[in-house]
Every structure is written in C-alpha cells, then in structure tokens.
Amino acid sequence: MKKKDIPQQSHHLYEGETKTVYAINEEGKLEMAQTAGWEVEIDVLQQAIDEIDRLSAESLQRVRAGESSPLEYHMYAQRMDLPMLAQAVGHFKWRVKKHLKPTGFAKLKPEQLSLYASVLGIDVESLQEIPGDN
C-alpha cells in the first residue's frame, strides 16, 4: 500500500489512538506510517469485542449459578482468554482451567490469588467477589 492511500477512518474503538503500519513512500521505499483505522479492521475489532462481552456475560451467569469461579468472569472482563491468562501467570492451561471451577478456585493459596489478581489488574478481594452481588 502506498503511504498516501492509507485509510484514516477514525472510530471511538481506538479512543483517539493511531496504529503504525508499513507503507511505500514517494521514493518507493518501505517506511512506517500512522493510521487512525479502516472500516474492515474496525468491523473485525467490534466483532471481537462483542464476542468477549458475550463470553463475559455467559461466564457471569455460570458464576452466579455456582458452575464457574469468579476467576472465569474476571478473565473475560479483562479481555483475556484461557491461553492468554495461562501464559500471563506462567501456568499450563489445564492448571488454570482447574482454577476456573469453583472447587479448584476455593483451594487456591493466597500467593496464587495474588498472582491472578495482579495479572488481571484487580485486588484479591475483587477477584473473589461475584460482580453485582454486593
């Protein structure tokens, strides 16, 4: 893509930020350039956000029904999934998956709870709470 042809379709999803892309300049050389986004990318990003929001809402229902631990809800609320959370905490996916169940979560030691809370950007008390049950 030529630098002059880079789309600049700003959208609220980007919150005023720009993205770096590579494009061909006037001399025919590859260089970095900024874009405010383009329609196709915005549509895909919106679909991904909608999917995470759906997973978050479904997990909240499972947490309230006692089928999942609050960790599952907070994982989705922070726009993460199982592989991403497992990598962030340095555990195998099967181990994190065990902690997404109420029985596995109940057995977590304070150090493990602190690690999950830190990675999710919340405090331990919030991690253990079911949102909306205050």
Protein backbone atom coordinates (compact mmCIF):
# COMPACT_ATOMS: atom_id res chain seq x y z
CA MET A 1 0.00 0.00 0.00
CA LYS A 2 1.22 3.48 -0.79
CA LYS A 3 1.58 5.91 2.08
CA LYS A 4 -0.91 8.34 0.54
CA ASP A 5 -3.52 5.54 0.29
CA ILE A 6 -3.50 4.56 3.97
CA PRO A 7 -7.10 4.75 5.28
CA GLN A 8 -7.79 7.22 8.07
CA GLN A 9 -11.25 6.21 9.29
CA SER A 10 -11.20 7.24 12.93
CA HIS A 11 -13.50 5.34 15.29
CA HIS A 12 -14.32 5.51 19.01
CA LEU A 13 -12.90 1.98 19.47
CA TYR A 14 -9.41 3.39 19.01
CA GLU A 15 -10.02 6.05 21.68
CA GLY A 16 -8.08 8.63 19.65
CA GLU A 17 -5.03 6.39 19.28
CA THR A 18 -3.33 5.59 15.99
CA LYS A 19 -1.72 2.43 14.71
CA THR A 20 1.62 2.01 12.98
CA VAL A 21 1.61 0.26 9.61
CA TYR A 22 4.17 -0.15 6.85
CA ALA A 23 3.66 1.57 3.51
CA ILE A 24 5.59 2.55 0.39
CA ASN A 25 6.70 6.19 0.37
CA GLU A 26 7.13 8.50 -2.65
CA GLU A 27 10.64 7.12 -3.31
CA GLY A 28 9.35 3.53 -3.39
CA LYS A 29 10.85 2.60 -0.02
CA LEU A 30 9.07 0.87 2.81
CA GLU A 31 8.52 3.04 5.88
CA MET A 32 6.33 3.28 8.95
CA ALA A 33 3.19 5.40 8.81
CA GLN A 34 0.24 6.07 11.10
CA THR A 35 -3.41 5.20 10.53
CA ALA A 36 -6.49 6.04 12.53
CA GLY A 37 -8.02 2.75 11.34
CA TRP A 38 -10.09 1.49 8.46
CA GLU A 39 -13.56 0.08 8.10
CA VAL A 40 -12.72 -3.62 7.74
CA GLU A 41 -10.39 -3.58 10.74
CA ILE A 42 -12.93 -1.64 12.79
CA ASP A 43 -15.64 -4.21 11.95
CA VAL A 44 -13.42 -7.14 12.95
CA LEU A 45 -12.37 -5.40 16.17
CA GLN A 46 -16.01 -4.71 17.04
CA GLN A 47 -16.89 -8.37 16.42
CA ALA A 48 -14.07 -9.48 18.72
CA ILE A 49 -15.20 -7.08 21.45
CA ASP A 50 -18.81 -8.26 21.08
CA GLU A 51 -17.66 -11.89 21.40
CA ILE A 52 -15.64 -11.16 24.56
CA ASP A 53 -18.63 -9.27 26.01
CA ARG A 54 -20.87 -12.28 25.25
CA LEU A 55 -18.40 -14.68 26.89
CA SER A 56 -18.16 -12.36 29.89
CA ALA A 57 -21.95 -12.23 30.32
CA GLU A 58 -22.27 -16.01 29.96
CA SER A 59 -19.49 -16.62 32.47
CA LEU A 60 -21.16 -14.25 34.95
CA GLN A 61 -24.31 -16.37 34.72
CA ARG A 62 -22.25 -19.53 35.33
CA VAL A 63 -20.52 -17.91 38.32
CA ARG A 64 -23.85 -16.90 39.83
CA ALA A 65 -25.16 -20.45 39.26
CA GLY A 66 -22.12 -21.89 41.05
CA GLU A 67 -20.83 -23.59 37.90
CA SER A 68 -17.69 -21.44 37.48
CA SER A 69 -15.37 -19.45 39.72
CA PRO A 70 -15.18 -15.64 39.75
CA LEU A 71 -11.79 -16.03 38.06
CA GLU A 72 -13.53 -17.00 34.81
CA TYR A 73 -15.65 -13.85 34.83
CA HIS A 74 -12.71 -11.58 35.63
CA MET A 75 -10.61 -13.23 32.92
CA TYR A 76 -13.19 -12.32 30.26
CA ALA A 77 -13.93 -8.92 31.82
CA GLN A 78 -10.24 -8.05 31.35
CA ARG A 79 -10.46 -9.17 27.70
CA MET A 80 -8.39 -12.30 28.21
CA ASP A 81 -8.97 -15.94 27.36
CA LEU A 82 -7.62 -19.18 28.82
CA PRO A 83 -4.36 -19.34 26.80
CA MET A 84 -3.62 -15.67 27.44
CA LEU A 85 -4.26 -15.91 31.19
CA ALA A 86 -2.24 -19.13 31.46
CA GLN A 87 0.71 -17.51 29.72
CA ALA A 88 0.45 -14.35 31.84
CA VAL A 89 0.54 -16.28 35.14
CA GLY A 90 3.10 -18.82 33.91
CA HIS A 91 0.90 -21.90 34.36
CA PHE A 92 -0.21 -24.64 31.99
CA LYS A 93 -3.71 -24.15 30.54
CA TRP A 94 -5.02 -27.29 32.27
CA ARG A 95 -3.99 -25.85 35.63
CA VAL A 96 -5.70 -22.51 35.03
CA LYS A 97 -8.76 -24.34 33.69
CA LYS A 98 -8.94 -26.21 37.00
CA HIS A 99 -8.99 -22.84 38.81
CA LEU A 100 -11.93 -21.70 36.68
CA LYS A 101 -14.06 -24.27 38.52
CA PRO A 102 -15.41 -23.34 41.98
CA THR A 103 -13.70 -26.28 43.72
CA GLY A 104 -10.30 -25.52 42.20
CA PHE A 105 -10.62 -21.81 42.89
CA ALA A 106 -11.56 -22.45 46.54
CA LYS A 107 -8.28 -24.34 47.04
CA LEU A 108 -6.04 -21.51 45.78
CA LYS A 109 -3.41 -20.26 48.20
CA PRO A 110 -3.12 -16.52 48.93
CA GLU A 111 0.01 -16.30 46.76
CA GLN A 112 -1.83 -17.80 43.78
CA LEU A 113 -4.80 -15.47 44.30
CA SER A 114 -2.40 -12.51 44.42
CA LEU A 115 -0.78 -13.60 41.17
CA TYR A 116 -4.12 -13.86 39.37
CA ALA A 117 -5.28 -10.53 40.82
CA SER A 118 -2.06 -8.82 39.77
CA VAL A 119 -2.26 -10.13 36.21
CA LEU A 120 -5.92 -9.11 35.96
CA GLY A 121 -5.23 -5.65 37.39
CA ILE A 122 -7.59 -6.02 40.34
CA ASP A 123 -7.19 -6.67 44.06
CA VAL A 124 -7.64 -10.09 45.66
CA GLU A 125 -10.94 -9.10 47.28
CA SER A 126 -12.40 -8.11 43.91
CA LEU A 127 -11.13 -11.35 42.37
CA GLN A 128 -13.07 -13.35 44.95
CA GLU A 129 -16.30 -11.37 44.55
CA ILE A 130 -19.15 -12.09 42.19
CA PRO A 131 -19.89 -8.79 40.43
CA GLY A 132 -23.30 -7.38 41.25
CA ASP A 133 -23.70 -9.41 44.45
CA ASN A 134 -22.76 -6.60 46.84
